[in-house]
Amino acid sequence: VEFFGSNDVVNSLTTVFSNIMSRVFPNNAKKSASVKTLPFSIVDLCMREDDFVYTVTGRTDYVSQKGQIRRLFIGTGSNILSNTGNFVDQGYNNSRLGGENMLQDLCSIDVDESGFIYALDSKYGRIFVYDTTGRMITTFGGGLGYGEQEGVFKKAKALALNGDKLLVLDSFKNNITIFKNNEYFDLIKQAQLLTLDGDYTAAEGLWR
């Protein structure tokens, strides 16, 4: 049995200073009250035939919310997206609604045949789509927990790809919404793939 790809523990400067002081001036009361810091949990994953495992972590560090989506190489367990600086930062949400802090909470992930990554945010009900390098291509959905119309959600809990269709489960409305790529999105995907492959001549016409 082998384990790999665990999340790292995130510590603030205050936590680090407190831990140092506790070690310098230990006593029984401090030892009994100490709490071990654990990493944030992976909440969903998917695998592709390219020897990569894609994982998603829900709410992480309150300030940065970085590292929620990772692409792990099975052979070493290393995250090849750790230094891109693109993931989730571009789609990060943190606002207030009705006195509640609406902190982005990614809960589900899947990857299509081209390597584009789809991530579901349960708090806002949004689906983020990223290319193979981590650049956000588009976002859709919504509802903020109050969505009644088609295409928005009250409690989006999971997504899955089935060919060119995307299925999203709403556990409150007890239904599944099916999205299908339109011509515009297909053109964007084709143009971005050509751009990433360095075929700028072929990509130019599609972008125009």
N, C-alpha and C. Protein backbone atom coordinates (compact mmCIF):
# COMPACT_ATOMS: atom_id res chain seq x y z
N VAL A 1 0.84 -1.18 0.00
CA VAL A 1 0.00 0.00 0.00
C VAL A 1 0.89 1.24 0.00
N GLU A 2 0.53 2.22 -0.80
CA GLU A 2 1.32 3.44 -0.90
C GLU A 2 0.41 4.65 -0.76
N PHE A 3 0.89 5.68 -0.08
CA PHE A 3 0.15 6.92 0.08
C PHE A 3 0.96 8.06 -0.51
N PHE A 4 0.28 9.00 -1.15
CA PHE A 4 0.97 10.17 -1.69
C PHE A 4 -0.02 11.32 -1.84
N GLY A 5 0.52 12.52 -2.01
CA GLY A 5 -0.31 13.68 -2.33
C GLY A 5 -1.04 14.31 -1.18
N SER A 6 -0.61 14.09 0.07
CA SER A 6 -1.31 14.71 1.19
C SER A 6 -1.11 16.22 1.17
N ASN A 7 -2.09 16.96 1.67
CA ASN A 7 -1.99 18.41 1.75
C ASN A 7 -0.99 18.81 2.83
N ASP A 8 -0.40 19.98 2.65
CA ASP A 8 0.53 20.51 3.64
C ASP A 8 -0.24 21.26 4.72
N VAL A 9 0.34 21.29 5.92
CA VAL A 9 -0.23 22.06 7.02
C VAL A 9 0.08 23.53 6.80
N VAL A 10 -0.95 24.37 6.93
CA VAL A 10 -0.78 25.81 6.77
C VAL A 10 -0.79 26.46 8.15
N ASN A 11 0.28 27.18 8.48
CA ASN A 11 0.38 27.86 9.77
C ASN A 11 0.52 29.36 9.58
N SER A 12 -0.16 30.12 10.39
CA SER A 12 0.00 31.57 10.37
C SER A 12 1.19 31.95 11.23
N LEU A 13 1.64 33.19 11.11
CA LEU A 13 2.76 33.68 11.91
C LEU A 13 2.43 33.62 13.40
N THR A 14 1.17 33.91 13.74
CA THR A 14 0.74 33.86 15.14
C THR A 14 0.84 32.44 15.69
N THR A 15 0.40 31.46 14.89
CA THR A 15 0.45 30.06 15.32
C THR A 15 1.88 29.60 15.52
N VAL A 16 2.75 29.97 14.58
CA VAL A 16 4.16 29.57 14.68
C VAL A 16 4.78 30.15 15.95
N PHE A 17 4.53 31.44 16.23
CA PHE A 17 5.09 32.10 17.42
C PHE A 17 4.56 31.44 18.69
N SER A 18 3.26 31.11 18.70
CA SER A 18 2.66 30.46 19.87
C SER A 18 3.28 29.10 20.13
N ASN A 19 3.54 28.34 19.05
CA ASN A 19 4.15 27.02 19.20
C ASN A 19 5.57 27.12 19.75
N ILE A 20 6.30 28.14 19.28
CA ILE A 20 7.67 28.32 19.76
C ILE A 20 7.67 28.65 21.25
N MET A 21 6.77 29.56 21.67
CA MET A 21 6.71 29.95 23.07
C MET A 21 6.30 28.77 23.96
N SER A 22 5.41 27.93 23.45
CA SER A 22 4.97 26.77 24.23
C SER A 22 6.11 25.77 24.43
N ARG A 23 6.99 25.68 23.44
CA ARG A 23 8.12 24.76 23.56
C ARG A 23 9.20 25.34 24.47
N VAL A 24 9.36 26.67 24.43
CA VAL A 24 10.38 27.30 25.26
C VAL A 24 9.97 27.30 26.73
N PHE A 25 8.65 27.55 26.96
CA PHE A 25 8.14 27.60 28.34
C PHE A 25 7.02 26.57 28.52
N PRO A 26 7.37 25.28 28.51
CA PRO A 26 6.34 24.25 28.61
C PRO A 26 5.82 24.09 30.04
N ASN A 27 4.58 23.69 30.15
CA ASN A 27 4.01 23.28 31.43
C ASN A 27 2.88 22.30 31.14
N ASN A 28 2.39 21.65 32.17
CA ASN A 28 1.36 20.62 31.97
C ASN A 28 0.08 21.18 31.39
N ALA A 29 -0.29 22.39 31.82
CA ALA A 29 -1.53 23.00 31.31
C ALA A 29 -1.44 23.25 29.81
N LYS A 30 -0.28 23.76 29.36
CA LYS A 30 -0.11 24.03 27.93
C LYS A 30 -0.09 22.73 27.13
N LYS A 31 0.56 21.71 27.70
CA LYS A 31 0.63 20.43 26.99
C LYS A 31 -0.75 19.81 26.83
N SER A 32 -1.57 19.87 27.87
CA SER A 32 -2.90 19.27 27.80
C SER A 32 -3.83 20.04 26.89
N ALA A 33 -3.58 21.35 26.75
CA ALA A 33 -4.45 22.19 25.93
C ALA A 33 -3.99 22.28 24.49
N SER A 34 -2.82 21.71 24.19
CA SER A 34 -2.28 21.83 22.84
C SER A 34 -3.11 21.02 21.85
N VAL A 35 -3.24 21.56 20.63
CA VAL A 35 -3.99 20.90 19.57
C VAL A 35 -3.08 20.71 18.38
N LYS A 36 -3.02 19.52 17.87
CA LYS A 36 -2.18 19.25 16.72
C LYS A 36 -2.81 19.84 15.47
N THR A 37 -2.02 20.58 14.70
CA THR A 37 -2.52 21.19 13.48
C THR A 37 -2.53 20.14 12.37
N LEU A 38 -3.68 19.97 11.74
CA LEU A 38 -3.83 18.98 10.68
C LEU A 38 -4.03 19.69 9.35
N PRO A 39 -3.63 19.05 8.24
CA PRO A 39 -3.83 19.67 6.93
C PRO A 39 -5.30 19.65 6.54
N PHE A 40 -5.67 20.55 5.63
CA PHE A 40 -7.03 20.55 5.12
C PHE A 40 -7.27 19.29 4.30
N SER A 41 -8.48 18.76 4.34
CA SER A 41 -8.78 17.46 3.74
C SER A 41 -9.13 17.58 2.26
N ILE A 42 -8.67 16.60 1.49
CA ILE A 42 -9.10 16.46 0.10
C ILE A 42 -10.55 15.97 0.11
N VAL A 43 -11.42 16.63 -0.67
CA VAL A 43 -12.84 16.27 -0.65
C VAL A 43 -13.28 15.53 -1.90
N ASP A 44 -12.48 15.58 -2.97
CA ASP A 44 -12.85 14.86 -4.19
C ASP A 44 -11.60 14.67 -5.04
N LEU A 45 -11.64 13.65 -5.91
CA LEU A 45 -10.53 13.42 -6.82
C LEU A 45 -11.03 12.74 -8.08
N CYS A 46 -10.23 12.80 -9.12
CA CYS A 46 -10.52 12.04 -10.34
C CYS A 46 -9.20 11.62 -10.96
N MET A 47 -9.24 10.58 -11.77
CA MET A 47 -8.04 10.05 -12.40
C MET A 47 -8.21 10.07 -13.91
N ARG A 48 -7.07 10.28 -14.60
CA ARG A 48 -7.05 10.22 -16.05
C ARG A 48 -6.05 9.18 -16.51
N GLU A 49 -6.10 8.87 -17.81
CA GLU A 49 -5.21 7.85 -18.34
C GLU A 49 -3.79 8.37 -18.56
N ASP A 50 -3.54 9.65 -18.22
CA ASP A 50 -2.21 10.22 -18.42
C ASP A 50 -1.34 10.12 -17.18
N ASP A 51 -1.70 9.21 -16.25
CA ASP A 51 -0.92 8.97 -15.03
C ASP A 51 -0.96 10.16 -14.07
N PHE A 52 -2.06 10.89 -14.08
CA PHE A 52 -2.23 11.99 -13.14
C PHE A 52 -3.50 11.82 -12.34
N VAL A 53 -3.44 12.23 -11.07
CA VAL A 53 -4.61 12.26 -10.21
C VAL A 53 -4.89 13.72 -9.88
N TYR A 54 -6.14 14.13 -10.08
CA TYR A 54 -6.53 15.51 -9.80
C TYR A 54 -7.33 15.53 -8.50
N THR A 55 -6.94 16.41 -7.59
CA THR A 55 -7.62 16.49 -6.31
C THR A 55 -8.14 17.90 -6.07
N VAL A 56 -9.18 18.00 -5.24
CA VAL A 56 -9.71 19.30 -4.86
C VAL A 56 -9.89 19.33 -3.35
N THR A 57 -9.49 20.43 -2.74
CA THR A 57 -9.65 20.65 -1.31
C THR A 57 -10.63 21.80 -1.13
N GLY A 58 -11.53 21.66 -0.17
CA GLY A 58 -12.54 22.70 0.03
C GLY A 58 -11.94 23.98 0.56
N ARG A 59 -12.52 24.54 1.59
CA ARG A 59 -12.00 25.77 2.15
C ARG A 59 -10.64 25.51 2.79
N THR A 60 -9.67 26.33 2.44
CA THR A 60 -8.32 26.18 2.99
C THR A 60 -8.00 27.42 3.82
N ASP A 61 -6.84 28.00 3.58
CA ASP A 61 -6.46 29.19 4.33
C ASP A 61 -7.42 30.33 4.03
N TYR A 62 -7.93 30.98 5.05
CA TYR A 62 -8.96 32.01 4.90
C TYR A 62 -8.48 33.15 4.01
N VAL A 63 -7.21 33.50 4.10
CA VAL A 63 -6.72 34.67 3.39
C VAL A 63 -6.42 34.37 1.93
N SER A 64 -5.70 33.28 1.66
CA SER A 64 -5.21 33.04 0.31
C SER A 64 -6.06 32.07 -0.50
N GLN A 65 -6.61 31.04 0.15
CA GLN A 65 -7.38 30.01 -0.55
C GLN A 65 -6.59 29.43 -1.73
N LYS A 66 -5.31 29.18 -1.56
CA LYS A 66 -4.49 28.65 -2.64
C LYS A 66 -4.29 27.15 -2.49
N GLY A 67 -3.96 26.53 -3.61
CA GLY A 67 -3.66 25.10 -3.59
C GLY A 67 -4.88 24.22 -3.47
N GLN A 68 -6.08 24.74 -3.81
CA GLN A 68 -7.28 23.93 -3.69
C GLN A 68 -7.35 22.85 -4.77
N ILE A 69 -6.79 23.14 -5.93
CA ILE A 69 -6.79 22.16 -7.03
C ILE A 69 -5.35 21.75 -7.30
N ARG A 70 -5.13 20.43 -7.36
CA ARG A 70 -3.78 19.93 -7.58
C ARG A 70 -3.79 18.82 -8.63
N ARG A 71 -2.68 18.72 -9.33
CA ARG A 71 -2.48 17.68 -10.34
C ARG A 71 -1.27 16.86 -9.90
N LEU A 72 -1.52 15.65 -9.44
CA LEU A 72 -0.48 14.82 -8.85
C LEU A 72 -0.01 13.74 -9.82
N PHE A 73 1.30 13.62 -9.96
CA PHE A 73 1.87 12.56 -10.77
C PHE A 73 1.91 11.28 -9.94
N ILE A 74 1.33 10.20 -10.46
CA ILE A 74 1.20 8.97 -9.69
C ILE A 74 2.56 8.41 -9.29
N GLY A 75 3.55 8.55 -10.16
CA GLY A 75 4.85 7.96 -9.88
C GLY A 75 5.53 8.53 -8.65
N THR A 76 5.43 9.85 -8.45
CA THR A 76 6.13 10.49 -7.33
C THR A 76 5.19 11.14 -6.32
N GLY A 77 3.94 11.37 -6.71
CA GLY A 77 3.00 12.05 -5.82
C GLY A 77 3.19 13.55 -5.79
N SER A 78 4.10 14.07 -6.63
CA SER A 78 4.36 15.51 -6.62
C SER A 78 3.28 16.27 -7.38
N ASN A 79 3.00 17.48 -6.92
CA ASN A 79 2.00 18.33 -7.53
C ASN A 79 2.67 19.21 -8.58
N ILE A 80 2.37 18.99 -9.84
CA ILE A 80 3.05 19.74 -10.89
C ILE A 80 2.42 21.10 -11.11
N LEU A 81 1.36 21.41 -10.38
CA LEU A 81 0.72 22.72 -10.49
C LEU A 81 1.04 23.61 -9.30
N SER A 82 1.94 23.19 -8.44
CA SER A 82 2.17 23.90 -7.19
C SER A 82 2.74 25.29 -7.39
N ASN A 83 3.44 25.53 -8.49
CA ASN A 83 4.08 26.83 -8.68
C ASN A 83 3.46 27.65 -9.81
N THR A 84 2.29 27.25 -10.30
CA THR A 84 1.72 27.99 -11.42
C THR A 84 1.13 29.32 -10.99
N GLY A 85 0.56 29.38 -9.77
CA GLY A 85 -0.03 30.63 -9.31
C GLY A 85 -1.31 30.99 -10.03
N ASN A 86 -1.88 30.05 -10.78
CA ASN A 86 -3.09 30.36 -11.56
C ASN A 86 -4.36 29.82 -10.92
N PHE A 87 -4.27 28.64 -10.32
CA PHE A 87 -5.47 27.96 -9.87
C PHE A 87 -6.20 28.69 -8.77
N VAL A 88 -7.51 28.80 -8.95
CA VAL A 88 -8.46 29.29 -7.96
C VAL A 88 -8.26 30.77 -7.64
N ASP A 89 -7.01 31.25 -7.70
CA ASP A 89 -6.79 32.66 -7.41
C ASP A 89 -7.67 33.53 -8.31
N GLN A 90 -7.76 33.15 -9.59
CA GLN A 90 -8.52 33.95 -10.54
C GLN A 90 -10.02 33.84 -10.31
N GLY A 91 -10.45 32.73 -9.74
CA GLY A 91 -11.89 32.55 -9.53
C GLY A 91 -12.28 32.65 -8.08
N TYR A 92 -11.36 33.14 -7.25
CA TYR A 92 -11.58 33.16 -5.81
C TYR A 92 -12.72 34.10 -5.42
N ASN A 93 -13.61 33.62 -4.54
CA ASN A 93 -14.74 34.42 -4.08
C ASN A 93 -14.72 34.52 -2.56
N ASN A 94 -14.92 35.70 -2.06
CA ASN A 94 -15.04 35.92 -0.61
C ASN A 94 -15.84 37.19 -0.40
N SER A 95 -17.12 37.05 -0.10
CA SER A 95 -17.98 38.20 0.10
C SER A 95 -18.97 37.88 1.22
N ARG A 96 -19.87 38.80 1.46
CA ARG A 96 -20.86 38.61 2.52
C ARG A 96 -22.26 38.72 1.92
N LEU A 97 -23.17 37.88 2.42
CA LEU A 97 -24.54 37.90 1.95
C LEU A 97 -25.45 37.64 3.15
N GLY A 98 -26.32 38.59 3.45
CA GLY A 98 -27.22 38.44 4.59
C GLY A 98 -26.51 38.25 5.90
N GLY A 99 -25.36 38.89 6.06
CA GLY A 99 -24.59 38.77 7.29
C GLY A 99 -23.72 37.54 7.36
N GLU A 100 -23.80 36.68 6.35
CA GLU A 100 -22.98 35.46 6.34
C GLU A 100 -21.75 35.65 5.47
N ASN A 101 -20.62 35.16 5.94
CA ASN A 101 -19.39 35.22 5.16
C ASN A 101 -19.43 34.12 4.10
N MET A 102 -19.48 34.50 2.83
CA MET A 102 -19.58 33.54 1.72
C MET A 102 -18.17 33.20 1.25
N LEU A 103 -17.56 32.23 1.89
CA LEU A 103 -16.19 31.83 1.54
C LEU A 103 -16.23 30.67 0.56
N GLN A 104 -15.56 30.83 -0.55
CA GLN A 104 -15.55 29.80 -1.60
C GLN A 104 -15.22 28.42 -1.04
N ASP A 105 -15.96 27.40 -1.47
CA ASP A 105 -15.77 26.04 -0.96
C ASP A 105 -15.88 25.06 -2.12
N LEU A 106 -14.75 24.70 -2.73
CA LEU A 106 -14.76 23.75 -3.84
C LEU A 106 -15.03 22.35 -3.31
N CYS A 107 -15.94 21.63 -3.97
CA CYS A 107 -16.36 20.33 -3.44
C CYS A 107 -16.24 19.19 -4.43
N SER A 108 -16.04 19.48 -5.72
CA SER A 108 -16.03 18.39 -6.69
C SER A 108 -15.17 18.78 -7.89
N ILE A 109 -14.58 17.76 -8.55
CA ILE A 109 -13.67 18.01 -9.66
C ILE A 109 -13.79 16.91 -10.70
N ASP A 110 -13.59 17.28 -11.98
CA ASP A 110 -13.50 16.30 -13.05
C ASP A 110 -12.68 16.91 -14.18
N VAL A 111 -12.18 16.06 -15.07
CA VAL A 111 -11.30 16.51 -16.15
C VAL A 111 -11.79 15.90 -17.46
N ASP A 112 -11.86 16.71 -18.54
CA ASP A 112 -12.36 16.18 -19.81
C ASP A 112 -11.22 15.56 -20.61
N GLU A 113 -11.56 15.06 -21.81
CA GLU A 113 -10.58 14.33 -22.61
C GLU A 113 -9.43 15.22 -23.10
N SER A 114 -9.64 16.54 -23.09
CA SER A 114 -8.59 17.47 -23.52
C SER A 114 -7.72 17.95 -22.37
N GLY A 115 -8.07 17.56 -21.15
CA GLY A 115 -7.30 17.97 -19.99
C GLY A 115 -7.83 19.22 -19.32
N PHE A 116 -8.98 19.73 -19.76
CA PHE A 116 -9.58 20.89 -19.12
C PHE A 116 -10.23 20.45 -17.80
N ILE A 117 -10.02 21.26 -16.77
CA ILE A 117 -10.44 20.91 -15.42
C ILE A 117 -11.71 21.67 -15.05
N TYR A 118 -12.68 20.93 -14.50
CA TYR A 118 -13.96 21.51 -14.06
C TYR A 118 -14.04 21.37 -12.54
N ALA A 119 -14.27 22.48 -11.85
CA ALA A 119 -14.35 22.46 -10.39
C ALA A 119 -15.64 23.13 -9.95
N LEU A 120 -16.31 22.53 -8.98
CA LEU A 120 -17.60 23.03 -8.50
C LEU A 120 -17.44 23.71 -7.14
N ASP A 121 -17.96 24.92 -7.04
CA ASP A 121 -17.96 25.67 -5.79
C ASP A 121 -19.34 25.55 -5.16
N SER A 122 -19.43 24.85 -4.03
CA SER A 122 -20.73 24.58 -3.41
C SER A 122 -21.35 25.82 -2.78
N LYS A 123 -20.53 26.78 -2.38
CA LYS A 123 -21.04 27.97 -1.69
C LYS A 123 -21.74 28.91 -2.65
N TYR A 124 -21.13 29.14 -3.78
CA TYR A 124 -21.69 30.06 -4.78
C TYR A 124 -22.48 29.34 -5.86
N GLY A 125 -22.29 28.02 -5.96
CA GLY A 125 -22.97 27.27 -7.00
C GLY A 125 -22.37 27.46 -8.37
N ARG A 126 -21.10 27.83 -8.42
CA ARG A 126 -20.45 28.10 -9.70
C ARG A 126 -19.54 26.95 -10.13
N ILE A 127 -19.43 26.80 -11.45
CA ILE A 127 -18.50 25.83 -12.03
C ILE A 127 -17.38 26.61 -12.69
N PHE A 128 -16.14 26.33 -12.29
CA PHE A 128 -14.97 26.97 -12.89
C PHE A 128 -14.33 26.00 -13.86
N VAL A 129 -13.91 26.51 -15.02
CA VAL A 129 -13.23 25.69 -16.02
C VAL A 129 -11.83 26.25 -16.24
N TYR A 130 -10.82 25.37 -16.09
CA TYR A 130 -9.42 25.77 -16.25
C TYR A 130 -8.80 24.96 -17.38
N ASP A 131 -7.81 25.56 -18.07
CA ASP A 131 -7.12 24.80 -19.10
C ASP A 131 -6.06 23.92 -18.45
N THR A 132 -5.24 23.28 -19.26
CA THR A 132 -4.28 22.29 -18.75
C THR A 132 -3.16 22.93 -17.93
N THR A 133 -2.97 24.25 -18.05
CA THR A 133 -1.92 24.93 -17.30
C THR A 133 -2.45 25.63 -16.06
N GLY A 134 -3.78 25.64 -15.89
CA GLY A 134 -4.36 26.27 -14.71
C GLY A 134 -4.97 27.64 -14.95
N ARG A 135 -5.02 28.11 -16.19
CA ARG A 135 -5.65 29.39 -16.48
C ARG A 135 -7.16 29.21 -16.54
N MET A 136 -7.88 30.09 -15.88
CA MET A 136 -9.34 29.98 -15.88
C MET A 136 -9.88 30.41 -17.24
N ILE A 137 -10.69 29.54 -17.84
CA ILE A 137 -11.26 29.81 -19.16
C ILE A 137 -12.64 30.46 -19.03
N THR A 138 -13.46 29.94 -18.13
CA THR A 138 -14.79 30.48 -17.96
C THR A 138 -15.38 30.02 -16.63
N THR A 139 -16.48 30.63 -16.26
CA THR A 139 -17.26 30.19 -15.09
C THR A 139 -18.73 30.38 -15.39
N PHE A 140 -19.56 29.48 -14.86
CA PHE A 140 -21.00 29.58 -15.07
C PHE A 140 -21.72 28.93 -13.91
N GLY A 141 -23.04 29.02 -13.92
CA GLY A 141 -23.83 28.52 -12.79
C GLY A 141 -24.18 29.68 -11.88
N GLY A 142 -24.24 29.42 -10.57
CA GLY A 142 -24.56 30.46 -9.60
C GLY A 142 -25.70 30.04 -8.70
N GLY A 143 -26.30 31.02 -8.04
CA GLY A 143 -27.44 30.76 -7.16
C GLY A 143 -27.22 31.20 -5.73
N LEU A 144 -25.97 31.16 -5.25
CA LEU A 144 -25.64 31.60 -3.89
C LEU A 144 -26.49 30.92 -2.82
N GLY A 145 -26.91 29.69 -3.11
CA GLY A 145 -27.73 28.97 -2.15
C GLY A 145 -29.21 29.29 -2.22
N TYR A 146 -29.60 30.14 -3.19
CA TYR A 146 -31.00 30.53 -3.33
C TYR A 146 -31.53 30.28 -4.74
N GLY A 147 -30.74 29.61 -5.58
CA GLY A 147 -31.06 29.48 -6.99
C GLY A 147 -32.31 28.67 -7.28
N GLU A 148 -33.28 29.28 -7.95
CA GLU A 148 -34.51 28.60 -8.33
C GLU A 148 -34.58 28.35 -9.84
N GLN A 149 -33.92 29.19 -10.63
CA GLN A 149 -33.99 29.06 -12.07
C GLN A 149 -33.13 27.90 -12.56
N GLU A 150 -33.38 27.49 -13.79
CA GLU A 150 -32.55 26.45 -14.40
C GLU A 150 -31.13 26.98 -14.58
N GLY A 151 -30.16 26.13 -14.30
CA GLY A 151 -28.77 26.50 -14.48
C GLY A 151 -28.12 27.11 -13.25
N VAL A 152 -28.90 27.32 -12.17
CA VAL A 152 -28.34 27.81 -10.91
C VAL A 152 -28.76 26.85 -9.80
N PHE A 153 -28.15 27.00 -8.60
CA PHE A 153 -28.29 25.95 -7.60
C PHE A 153 -28.59 26.49 -6.20
N LYS A 154 -29.20 25.60 -5.41
CA LYS A 154 -29.40 25.87 -3.99
C LYS A 154 -28.31 25.20 -3.16
N LYS A 155 -27.97 23.97 -3.51
CA LYS A 155 -26.91 23.26 -2.78
C LYS A 155 -26.20 22.32 -3.75
N ALA A 156 -25.35 22.90 -4.57
CA ALA A 156 -24.57 22.11 -5.53
C ALA A 156 -23.56 21.25 -4.78
N LYS A 157 -23.57 19.94 -5.03
CA LYS A 157 -22.74 19.03 -4.24
C LYS A 157 -21.74 18.22 -5.06
N ALA A 158 -22.00 17.99 -6.35
CA ALA A 158 -21.08 17.15 -7.13
C ALA A 158 -21.27 17.41 -8.61
N LEU A 159 -20.20 17.19 -9.36
CA LEU A 159 -20.28 17.28 -10.82
C LEU A 159 -19.58 16.08 -11.44
N ALA A 160 -19.96 15.78 -12.69
CA ALA A 160 -19.34 14.68 -13.43
C ALA A 160 -19.50 14.95 -14.91
N LEU A 161 -18.47 14.62 -15.68
CA LEU A 161 -18.50 14.78 -17.12
C LEU A 161 -18.95 13.48 -17.78
N ASN A 162 -19.79 13.62 -18.81
CA ASN A 162 -20.23 12.47 -19.59
C ASN A 162 -20.17 12.87 -21.06
N GLY A 163 -19.01 12.59 -21.69
CA GLY A 163 -18.81 13.06 -23.05
C GLY A 163 -18.70 14.58 -23.07
N ASP A 164 -19.53 15.23 -23.92
CA ASP A 164 -19.50 16.69 -23.98
C ASP A 164 -20.54 17.31 -23.06
N LYS A 165 -21.10 16.52 -22.16
CA LYS A 165 -22.10 17.03 -21.21
C LYS A 165 -21.53 17.06 -19.79
N LEU A 166 -21.97 18.06 -19.03
CA LEU A 166 -21.56 18.20 -17.65
C LEU A 166 -22.78 18.07 -16.75
N LEU A 167 -22.74 17.12 -15.81
CA LEU A 167 -23.86 16.88 -14.90
C LEU A 167 -23.53 17.46 -13.53
N VAL A 168 -24.45 18.24 -12.97
CA VAL A 168 -24.25 18.85 -11.66
C VAL A 168 -25.42 18.48 -10.76
N LEU A 169 -25.11 17.92 -9.59
CA LEU A 169 -26.12 17.48 -8.63
C LEU A 169 -26.43 18.59 -7.64
N ASP A 170 -27.73 18.85 -7.43
CA ASP A 170 -28.20 19.78 -6.40
C ASP A 170 -28.91 18.93 -5.34
N SER A 171 -28.31 18.81 -4.15
CA SER A 171 -28.86 17.92 -3.13
C SER A 171 -30.09 18.51 -2.44
N PHE A 172 -30.29 19.82 -2.54
CA PHE A 172 -31.47 20.44 -1.94
C PHE A 172 -32.68 20.31 -2.86
N LYS A 173 -32.48 20.56 -4.13
CA LYS A 173 -33.58 20.47 -5.10
C LYS A 173 -33.78 19.04 -5.59
N ASN A 174 -32.87 18.13 -5.20
CA ASN A 174 -32.96 16.72 -5.60
C ASN A 174 -33.04 16.56 -7.12
N ASN A 175 -32.17 17.26 -7.82
CA ASN A 175 -32.16 17.13 -9.28
C ASN A 175 -30.74 17.21 -9.82
N ILE A 176 -30.62 16.87 -11.09
CA ILE A 176 -29.34 16.95 -11.78
C ILE A 176 -29.52 17.88 -12.99
N THR A 177 -28.68 18.89 -13.07
CA THR A 177 -28.70 19.81 -14.20
C THR A 177 -27.65 19.37 -15.20
N ILE A 178 -28.02 19.32 -16.47
CA ILE A 178 -27.11 18.89 -17.53
C ILE A 178 -26.75 20.09 -18.41
N PHE A 179 -25.46 20.38 -18.48
CA PHE A 179 -24.95 21.44 -19.34
C PHE A 179 -24.29 20.81 -20.56
N LYS A 180 -24.44 21.49 -21.71
CA LYS A 180 -23.80 21.02 -22.93
C LYS A 180 -22.98 22.15 -23.53
N ASN A 181 -21.80 21.83 -24.05
CA ASN A 181 -20.96 22.85 -24.66
C ASN A 181 -21.68 23.51 -25.83
N ASN A 182 -21.59 24.84 -25.91
CA ASN A 182 -22.09 25.51 -27.11
C ASN A 182 -20.92 25.75 -28.07
N GLU A 183 -21.23 26.27 -29.25
CA GLU A 183 -20.21 26.44 -30.29
C GLU A 183 -19.12 27.41 -29.84
N TYR A 184 -19.50 28.44 -29.11
CA TYR A 184 -18.55 29.45 -28.65
C TYR A 184 -17.50 28.82 -27.72
N PHE A 185 -17.97 28.03 -26.77
CA PHE A 185 -17.05 27.40 -25.82
C PHE A 185 -16.14 26.39 -26.53
N ASP A 186 -16.68 25.64 -27.49
CA ASP A 186 -15.85 24.69 -28.24
C ASP A 186 -14.74 25.41 -29.00
N LEU A 187 -15.05 26.58 -29.56
CA LEU A 187 -14.03 27.36 -30.27
C LEU A 187 -12.95 27.85 -29.32
N ILE A 188 -13.34 28.28 -28.13
CA ILE A 188 -12.36 28.74 -27.14
C ILE A 188 -11.43 27.60 -26.76
N LYS A 189 -11.99 26.41 -26.53
CA LYS A 189 -11.16 25.26 -26.17
C LYS A 189 -10.17 24.93 -27.28
N GLN A 190 -10.65 24.91 -28.52
CA GLN A 190 -9.77 24.60 -29.65
C GLN A 190 -8.65 25.63 -29.77
N ALA A 191 -9.03 26.91 -29.66
CA ALA A 191 -8.04 27.98 -29.79
C ALA A 191 -7.00 27.91 -28.66
N GLN A 192 -7.46 27.63 -27.44
CA GLN A 192 -6.53 27.58 -26.31
C GLN A 192 -5.58 26.39 -26.42
N LEU A 193 -6.09 25.24 -26.87
CA LEU A 193 -5.23 24.07 -27.04
C LEU A 193 -4.16 24.33 -28.10
N LEU A 194 -4.53 24.98 -29.20
CA LEU A 194 -3.56 25.30 -30.24
C LEU A 194 -2.53 26.30 -29.72
N THR A 195 -3.00 27.26 -28.93
CA THR A 195 -2.09 28.25 -28.34
C THR A 195 -1.08 27.58 -27.41
N LEU A 196 -1.57 26.67 -26.57
CA LEU A 196 -0.68 25.97 -25.64
C LEU A 196 0.32 25.07 -26.38
N ASP A 197 -0.08 24.57 -27.56
CA ASP A 197 0.82 23.74 -28.37
C ASP A 197 1.80 24.58 -29.18
N GLY A 198 1.64 25.91 -29.13
CA GLY A 198 2.55 26.78 -29.86
C GLY A 198 2.17 27.00 -31.32
N ASP A 199 1.00 26.53 -31.74
CA ASP A 199 0.55 26.71 -33.12
C ASP A 199 -0.26 28.01 -33.21
N TYR A 200 0.45 29.13 -33.13
CA TYR A 200 -0.23 30.42 -33.06
C TYR A 200 -0.91 30.80 -34.37
N THR A 201 -0.37 30.33 -35.48
CA THR A 201 -0.97 30.65 -36.78
C THR A 201 -2.37 30.06 -36.88
N ALA A 202 -2.51 28.79 -36.51
CA ALA A 202 -3.81 28.14 -36.57
C ALA A 202 -4.75 28.71 -35.50
N ALA A 203 -4.21 29.09 -34.35
CA ALA A 203 -5.04 29.61 -33.27
C ALA A 203 -5.57 31.01 -33.57
N GLU A 204 -4.83 31.79 -34.34
CA GLU A 204 -5.22 33.19 -34.57
C GLU A 204 -6.61 33.30 -35.18
N GLY A 205 -6.88 32.48 -36.21
CA GLY A 205 -8.18 32.53 -36.85
C GLY A 205 -9.32 32.22 -35.91
N LEU A 206 -9.12 31.23 -35.03
CA LEU A 206 -10.16 30.85 -34.08
C LEU A 206 -10.38 31.96 -33.05
N TRP A 207 -9.30 32.57 -32.57
CA TRP A 207 -9.46 33.65 -31.60
C TRP A 207 -10.19 34.83 -32.22
N ARG A 208 -9.89 35.13 -33.49
CA ARG A 208 -10.57 36.23 -34.14
C ARG A 208 -12.05 35.93 -34.35
